[in-house]
Amino acid sequence: EKINELFNGYLCQNEQASKRRCEDLLSSLSAPMMENLKQGFYAKPGGYDLFCKDLEDIVKKYNSQANKEVK
């Protein structure tokens, strides 16, 4: 019973650390895109295509860097 309590505690800590790492990774990867949104970079002809390409790049980078995380 004591081992299960310890295991569950470590599992919870691991999940929280994993979630924080993934959130930090997403924030850093999406920072340039967020700046482009603020500056209206995508609000022009062809902007939607640029937005989709940038979003796809962020997703690819995220998946390649976060594929071993629990959360």
PDB file of N, CA and C in Angstrom:
ATOM      1  N   GLU A   1       0.827  -1.197   0.000  1.00  0.00           N
ATOM      2  CA  GLU A   1       0.000   0.000   0.000  1.00  0.00           C
ATOM      3  C   GLU A   1       0.873   1.263   0.000  1.00  0.00           C
ATOM      4  N   LYS A   2       1.912   1.253   0.810  1.00  0.00           N
ATOM      5  CA  LYS A   2       2.821   2.397   0.895  1.00  0.00           C
ATOM      6  C   LYS A   2       3.549   2.608  -0.440  1.00  0.00           C
ATOM      7  N   ILE A   3       3.951   1.508  -1.074  1.00  0.00           N
ATOM      8  CA  ILE A   3       4.634   1.602  -2.372  1.00  0.00           C
ATOM      9  C   ILE A   3       3.693   2.190  -3.419  1.00  0.00           C
ATOM     10  N   ASN A   4       2.431   1.771  -3.404  1.00  0.00           N
ATOM     11  CA  ASN A   4       1.455   2.323  -4.354  1.00  0.00           C
ATOM     12  C   ASN A   4       1.252   3.817  -4.139  1.00  0.00           C
ATOM     13  N   GLU A   5       1.233   4.260  -2.890  1.00  0.00           N
ATOM     14  CA  GLU A   5       1.099   5.689  -2.597  1.00  0.00           C
ATOM     15  C   GLU A   5       2.293   6.462  -3.146  1.00  0.00           C
ATOM     16  N   LEU A   6       3.497   5.927  -2.905  1.00  0.00           N
ATOM     17  CA  LEU A   6       4.703   6.583  -3.425  1.00  0.00           C
ATOM     18  C   LEU A   6       4.683   6.616  -4.951  1.00  0.00           C
ATOM     19  N   PHE A   7       4.323   5.486  -5.550  1.00  0.00           N
ATOM     20  CA  PHE A   7       4.266   5.410  -7.007  1.00  0.00           C
ATOM     21  C   PHE A   7       3.290   6.430  -7.565  1.00  0.00           C
ATOM     22  N   ASN A   8       2.113   6.511  -6.991  1.00  0.00           N
ATOM     23  CA  ASN A   8       1.105   7.470  -7.457  1.00  0.00           C
ATOM     24  C   ASN A   8       1.589   8.908  -7.287  1.00  0.00           C
ATOM     25  N   GLY A   9       2.307   9.187  -6.207  1.00  0.00           N
ATOM     26  CA  GLY A   9       2.873  10.519  -6.006  1.00  0.00           C
ATOM     27  C   GLY A   9       3.893  10.863  -7.078  1.00  0.00           C
ATOM     28  N   TYR A  10       4.789   9.907  -7.364  1.00  0.00           N
ATOM     29  CA  TYR A  10       5.791  10.129  -8.417  1.00  0.00           C
ATOM     30  C   TYR A  10       5.140  10.246  -9.788  1.00  0.00           C
ATOM     31  N   LEU A  11       4.119   9.456 -10.021  1.00  0.00           N
ATOM     32  CA  LEU A  11       3.396   9.519 -11.291  1.00  0.00           C
ATOM     33  C   LEU A  11       2.770  10.896 -11.485  1.00  0.00           C
ATOM     34  N   CYS A  12       2.166  11.413 -10.439  1.00  0.00           N
ATOM     35  CA  CYS A  12       1.543  12.741 -10.493  1.00  0.00           C
ATOM     36  C   CYS A  12       2.594  13.819 -10.751  1.00  0.00           C
ATOM     37  N   GLN A  13       3.718  13.738 -10.053  1.00  0.00           N
ATOM     38  CA  GLN A  13       4.801  14.706 -10.250  1.00  0.00           C
ATOM     39  C   GLN A  13       5.335  14.644 -11.676  1.00  0.00           C
ATOM     40  N   ASN A  14       5.483  13.428 -12.197  1.00  0.00           N
ATOM     41  CA  ASN A  14       5.967  13.244 -13.560  1.00  0.00           C
ATOM     42  C   ASN A  14       5.001  13.852 -14.572  1.00  0.00           C
ATOM     43  N   GLU A  15       3.708  13.634 -14.374  1.00  0.00           N
ATOM     44  CA  GLU A  15       2.709  14.193 -15.288  1.00  0.00           C
ATOM     45  C   GLU A  15       2.718  15.716 -15.251  1.00  0.00           C
ATOM     46  N   GLN A  16       2.849  16.291 -14.065  1.00  0.00           N
ATOM     47  CA  GLN A  16       2.885  17.751 -13.949  1.00  0.00           C
ATOM     48  C   GLN A  16       4.126  18.334 -14.612  1.00  0.00           C
ATOM     49  N   ALA A  17       5.279  17.677 -14.409  1.00  0.00           N
ATOM     50  CA  ALA A  17       6.512  18.145 -15.043  1.00  0.00           C
ATOM     51  C   ALA A  17       6.427  18.023 -16.553  1.00  0.00           C
ATOM     52  N   SER A  18       5.835  16.946 -17.026  1.00  0.00           N
ATOM     53  CA  SER A  18       5.671  16.737 -18.457  1.00  0.00           C
ATOM     54  C   SER A  18       4.762  17.808 -19.056  1.00  0.00           C
ATOM     55  N   LYS A  19       3.667  18.090 -18.379  1.00  0.00           N
ATOM     56  CA  LYS A  19       2.736  19.114 -18.860  1.00  0.00           C
ATOM     57  C   LYS A  19       3.414  20.481 -18.923  1.00  0.00           C
ATOM     58  N   ARG A  20       4.171  20.822 -17.875  1.00  0.00           N
ATOM     59  CA  ARG A  20       4.882  22.115 -17.870  1.00  0.00           C
ATOM     60  C   ARG A  20       5.893  22.190 -19.010  1.00  0.00           C
ATOM     61  N   ARG A  21       6.627  21.097 -19.239  1.00  0.00           N
ATOM     62  CA  ARG A  21       7.618  21.095 -20.314  1.00  0.00           C
ATOM     63  C   ARG A  21       6.944  21.282 -21.663  1.00  0.00           C
ATOM     64  N   CYS A  22       5.841  20.586 -21.890  1.00  0.00           N
ATOM     65  CA  CYS A  22       5.127  20.707 -23.167  1.00  0.00           C
ATOM     66  C   CYS A  22       4.554  22.107 -23.357  1.00  0.00           C
ATOM     67  N   GLU A  23       4.011  22.685 -22.296  1.00  0.00           N
ATOM     68  CA  GLU A  23       3.478  24.043 -22.392  1.00  0.00           C
ATOM     69  C   GLU A  23       4.600  25.038 -22.690  1.00  0.00           C
ATOM     70  N   ASP A  24       5.737  24.877 -22.028  1.00  0.00           N
ATOM     71  CA  ASP A  24       6.877  25.761 -22.286  1.00  0.00           C
ATOM     72  C   ASP A  24       7.378  25.611 -23.717  1.00  0.00           C
ATOM     73  N   LEU A  25       7.427  24.374 -24.196  1.00  0.00           N
ATOM     74  CA  LEU A  25       7.861  24.123 -25.563  1.00  0.00           C
ATOM     75  C   LEU A  25       6.909  24.766 -26.565  1.00  0.00           C
ATOM     76  N   LEU A  26       5.602  24.607 -26.347  1.00  0.00           N
ATOM     77  CA  LEU A  26       4.625  25.233 -27.235  1.00  0.00           C
ATOM     78  C   LEU A  26       4.742  26.752 -27.219  1.00  0.00           C
ATOM     79  N   SER A  27       4.953  27.318 -26.039  1.00  0.00           N
ATOM     80  CA  SER A  27       5.092  28.777 -25.939  1.00  0.00           C
ATOM     81  C   SER A  27       6.296  29.268 -26.719  1.00  0.00           C
ATOM     82  N   SER A  28       7.417  28.572 -26.580  1.00  0.00           N
ATOM     83  CA  SER A  28       8.621  29.027 -27.279  1.00  0.00           C
ATOM     84  C   SER A  28       8.505  28.827 -28.784  1.00  0.00           C
ATOM     85  N   LEU A  29       7.896  27.728 -29.215  1.00  0.00           N
ATOM     86  CA  LEU A  29       7.746  27.478 -30.653  1.00  0.00           C
ATOM     87  C   LEU A  29       6.752  28.428 -31.300  1.00  0.00           C
ATOM     88  N   SER A  30       5.725  28.821 -30.564  1.00  0.00           N
ATOM     89  CA  SER A  30       4.687  29.663 -31.155  1.00  0.00           C
ATOM     90  C   SER A  30       4.940  31.158 -30.979  1.00  0.00           C
ATOM     91  N   ALA A  31       5.980  31.538 -30.260  1.00  0.00           N
ATOM     92  CA  ALA A  31       6.253  32.962 -30.019  1.00  0.00           C
ATOM     93  C   ALA A  31       6.402  33.770 -31.315  1.00  0.00           C
ATOM     94  N   PRO A  32       7.192  33.301 -32.288  1.00  0.00           N
ATOM     95  CA  PRO A  32       7.291  34.091 -33.538  1.00  0.00           C
ATOM     96  C   PRO A  32       5.949  34.244 -34.256  1.00  0.00           C
ATOM     97  N   MET A  33       5.146  33.182 -34.227  1.00  0.00           N
ATOM     98  CA  MET A  33       3.846  33.254 -34.884  1.00  0.00           C
ATOM     99  C   MET A  33       2.926  34.236 -34.160  1.00  0.00           C
ATOM    100  N   MET A  34       2.971  34.227 -32.854  1.00  0.00           N
ATOM    101  CA  MET A  34       2.142  35.156 -32.085  1.00  0.00           C
ATOM    102  C   MET A  34       2.550  36.603 -32.381  1.00  0.00           C
ATOM    103  N   GLU A  35       3.833  36.834 -32.529  1.00  0.00           N
ATOM    104  CA  GLU A  35       4.295  38.181 -32.872  1.00  0.00           C
ATOM    105  C   GLU A  35       3.799  38.581 -34.260  1.00  0.00           C
ATOM    106  N   ASN A  36       3.843  37.636 -35.202  1.00  0.00           N
ATOM    107  CA  ASN A  36       3.314  37.915 -36.545  1.00  0.00           C
ATOM    108  C   ASN A  36       1.820  38.230 -36.502  1.00  0.00           C
ATOM    109  N   LEU A  37       1.092  37.527 -35.656  1.00  0.00           N
ATOM    110  CA  LEU A  37      -0.343  37.806 -35.521  1.00  0.00           C
ATOM    111  C   LEU A  37      -0.573  39.217 -34.988  1.00  0.00           C
ATOM    112  N   LYS A  38       0.204  39.596 -33.973  1.00  0.00           N
ATOM    113  CA  LYS A  38       0.054  40.935 -33.393  1.00  0.00           C
ATOM    114  C   LYS A  38       0.360  42.028 -34.405  1.00  0.00           C
ATOM    115  N   GLN A  39       1.324  41.772 -35.266  1.00  0.00           N
ATOM    116  CA  GLN A  39       1.729  42.779 -36.246  1.00  0.00           C
ATOM    117  C   GLN A  39       0.873  42.748 -37.516  1.00  0.00           C
ATOM    118  N   GLY A  40      -0.060  41.821 -37.587  1.00  0.00           N
ATOM    119  CA  GLY A  40      -0.937  41.756 -38.757  1.00  0.00           C
ATOM    120  C   GLY A  40      -0.288  41.146 -39.979  1.00  0.00           C
ATOM    121  N   PHE A  41       0.760  40.379 -39.780  1.00  0.00           N
ATOM    122  CA  PHE A  41       1.512  39.783 -40.883  1.00  0.00           C
ATOM    123  C   PHE A  41       0.634  38.900 -41.762  1.00  0.00           C
ATOM    124  N   TYR A  42      -0.320  38.224 -41.156  1.00  0.00           N
ATOM    125  CA  TYR A  42      -1.161  37.296 -41.914  1.00  0.00           C
ATOM    126  C   TYR A  42      -2.396  37.966 -42.511  1.00  0.00           C
ATOM    127  N   ALA A  43      -2.605  39.238 -42.222  1.00  0.00           N
ATOM    128  CA  ALA A  43      -3.784  39.962 -42.707  1.00  0.00           C
ATOM    129  C   ALA A  43      -3.474  40.623 -44.042  1.00  0.00           C
ATOM    130  N   LYS A  44      -3.168  39.799 -45.009  1.00  0.00           N
ATOM    131  CA  LYS A  44      -2.879  40.287 -46.357  1.00  0.00           C
ATOM    132  C   LYS A  44      -3.210  39.170 -47.329  1.00  0.00           C
ATOM    133  N   PRO A  45      -3.264  39.469 -48.608  1.00  0.00           N
ATOM    134  CA  PRO A  45      -3.524  38.400 -49.572  1.00  0.00           C
ATOM    135  C   PRO A  45      -2.471  37.299 -49.443  1.00  0.00           C
ATOM    136  N   GLY A  46      -2.934  36.073 -49.343  1.00  0.00           N
ATOM    137  CA  GLY A  46      -2.027  34.938 -49.175  1.00  0.00           C
ATOM    138  C   GLY A  46      -1.627  34.705 -47.731  1.00  0.00           C
ATOM    139  N   GLY A  47      -2.108  35.538 -46.836  1.00  0.00           N
ATOM    140  CA  GLY A  47      -1.745  35.436 -45.429  1.00  0.00           C
ATOM    141  C   GLY A  47      -2.230  34.158 -44.776  1.00  0.00           C
ATOM    142  N   TYR A  48      -3.393  33.693 -45.196  1.00  0.00           N
ATOM    143  CA  TYR A  48      -3.926  32.461 -44.614  1.00  0.00           C
ATOM    144  C   TYR A  48      -3.014  31.275 -44.933  1.00  0.00           C
ATOM    145  N   ASP A  49      -2.508  31.231 -46.154  1.00  0.00           N
ATOM    146  CA  ASP A  49      -1.594  30.150 -46.537  1.00  0.00           C
ATOM    147  C   ASP A  49      -0.311  30.212 -45.713  1.00  0.00           C
ATOM    148  N   LEU A  50       0.198  31.419 -45.499  1.00  0.00           N
ATOM    149  CA  LEU A  50       1.398  31.581 -44.661  1.00  0.00           C
ATOM    150  C   LEU A  50       1.114  31.134 -43.227  1.00  0.00           C
ATOM    151  N   PHE A  51      -0.061  31.505 -42.730  1.00  0.00           N
ATOM    152  CA  PHE A  51      -0.459  31.104 -41.384  1.00  0.00           C
ATOM    153  C   PHE A  51      -0.499  29.579 -41.263  1.00  0.00           C
ATOM    154  N   CYS A  52      -1.126  28.922 -42.216  1.00  0.00           N
ATOM    155  CA  CYS A  52      -1.231  27.460 -42.187  1.00  0.00           C
ATOM    156  C   CYS A  52       0.138  26.800 -42.255  1.00  0.00           C
ATOM    157  N   LYS A  53       1.024  27.338 -43.078  1.00  0.00           N
ATOM    158  CA  LYS A  53       2.377  26.790 -43.184  1.00  0.00           C
ATOM    159  C   LYS A  53       3.126  26.954 -41.870  1.00  0.00           C
ATOM    160  N   ASP A  54       3.046  28.136 -41.278  1.00  0.00           N
ATOM    161  CA  ASP A  54       3.723  28.374 -40.000  1.00  0.00           C
ATOM    162  C   ASP A  54       3.166  27.467 -38.902  1.00  0.00           C
ATOM    163  N   LEU A  55       1.849  27.304 -38.896  1.00  0.00           N
ATOM    164  CA  LEU A  55       1.214  26.436 -37.899  1.00  0.00           C
ATOM    165  C   LEU A  55       1.666  24.990 -38.081  1.00  0.00           C
ATOM    166  N   GLU A  56       1.723  24.542 -39.317  1.00  0.00           N
ATOM    167  CA  GLU A  56       2.175  23.182 -39.607  1.00  0.00           C
ATOM    168  C   GLU A  56       3.623  22.981 -39.161  1.00  0.00           C
ATOM    169  N   ASP A  57       4.466  23.983 -39.376  1.00  0.00           N
ATOM    170  CA  ASP A  57       5.861  23.905 -38.943  1.00  0.00           C
ATOM    171  C   ASP A  57       5.961  23.791 -37.422  1.00  0.00           C
ATOM    172  N   ILE A  58       5.131  24.552 -36.723  1.00  0.00           N
ATOM    173  CA  ILE A  58       5.130  24.503 -35.256  1.00  0.00           C
ATOM    174  C   ILE A  58       4.718  23.111 -34.780  1.00  0.00           C
ATOM    175  N   VAL A  59       3.686  22.552 -35.391  1.00  0.00           N
ATOM    176  CA  VAL A  59       3.208  21.225 -34.999  1.00  0.00           C
ATOM    177  C   VAL A  59       4.287  20.173 -35.255  1.00  0.00           C
ATOM    178  N   LYS A  60       4.968  20.245 -36.383  1.00  0.00           N
ATOM    179  CA  LYS A  60       6.039  19.287 -36.692  1.00  0.00           C
ATOM    180  C   LYS A  60       7.176  19.395 -35.685  1.00  0.00           C
ATOM    181  N   LYS A  61       7.591  20.615 -35.392  1.00  0.00           N
ATOM    182  CA  LYS A  61       8.676  20.805 -34.422  1.00  0.00           C
ATOM    183  C   LYS A  61       8.258  20.305 -33.048  1.00  0.00           C
ATOM    184  N   TYR A  62       7.024  20.598 -32.657  1.00  0.00           N
ATOM    185  CA  TYR A  62       6.533  20.148 -31.359  1.00  0.00           C
ATOM    186  C   TYR A  62       6.525  18.623 -31.286  1.00  0.00           C
ATOM    187  N   ASN A  63       5.985  17.994 -32.306  1.00  0.00           N
ATOM    188  CA  ASN A  63       5.912  16.529 -32.299  1.00  0.00           C
ATOM    189  C   ASN A  63       7.293  15.884 -32.292  1.00  0.00           C
ATOM    190  N   SER A  64       8.251  16.496 -32.944  1.00  0.00           N
ATOM    191  CA  SER A  64       9.594  15.915 -32.963  1.00  0.00           C
ATOM    192  C   SER A  64      10.317  16.104 -31.628  1.00  0.00           C
ATOM    193  N   GLN A  65       9.969  17.142 -30.889  1.00  0.00           N
ATOM    194  CA  GLN A  65      10.659  17.422 -29.623  1.00  0.00           C
ATOM    195  C   GLN A  65       9.927  16.896 -28.396  1.00  0.00           C
ATOM    196  N   ALA A  66       8.640  16.664 -28.485  1.00  0.00           N
ATOM    197  CA  ALA A  66       7.854  16.289 -27.313  1.00  0.00           C
ATOM    198  C   ALA A  66       7.297  14.875 -27.399  1.00  0.00           C
ATOM    199  N   ASN A  67       7.814  14.055 -28.271  1.00  0.00           N
ATOM    200  CA  ASN A  67       7.207  12.743 -28.473  1.00  0.00           C
ATOM    201  C   ASN A  67       7.438  11.760 -27.334  1.00  0.00           C
ATOM    202  N   LYS A  68       8.277  12.085 -26.373  1.00  0.00           N
ATOM    203  CA  LYS A  68       8.539  11.158 -25.286  1.00  0.00           C
ATOM    204  C   LYS A  68       7.896  11.607 -23.973  1.00  0.00           C
ATOM    205  N   GLU A  69       7.102  12.623 -24.036  1.00  0.00           N
ATOM    206  CA  GLU A  69       6.472  13.150 -22.827  1.00  0.00           C
ATOM    207  C   GLU A  69       5.200  12.379 -22.493  1.00  0.00           C
ATOM    208  N   VAL A  70       4.858  12.371 -21.211  1.00  0.00           N
ATOM    209  CA  VAL A  70       3.671  11.687 -20.733  1.00  0.00           C
ATOM    210  C   VAL A  70       2.418  12.465 -21.100  1.00  0.00           C
ATOM    211  N   LYS A  71       2.481  13.785 -20.973  1.00  0.00           N
ATOM    212  CA  LYS A  71       1.316  14.636 -21.236  1.00  0.00           C
ATOM    213  C   LYS A  71       1.516  15.391 -22.525  1.00  0.00           C
TER     214      LYS A  71
END
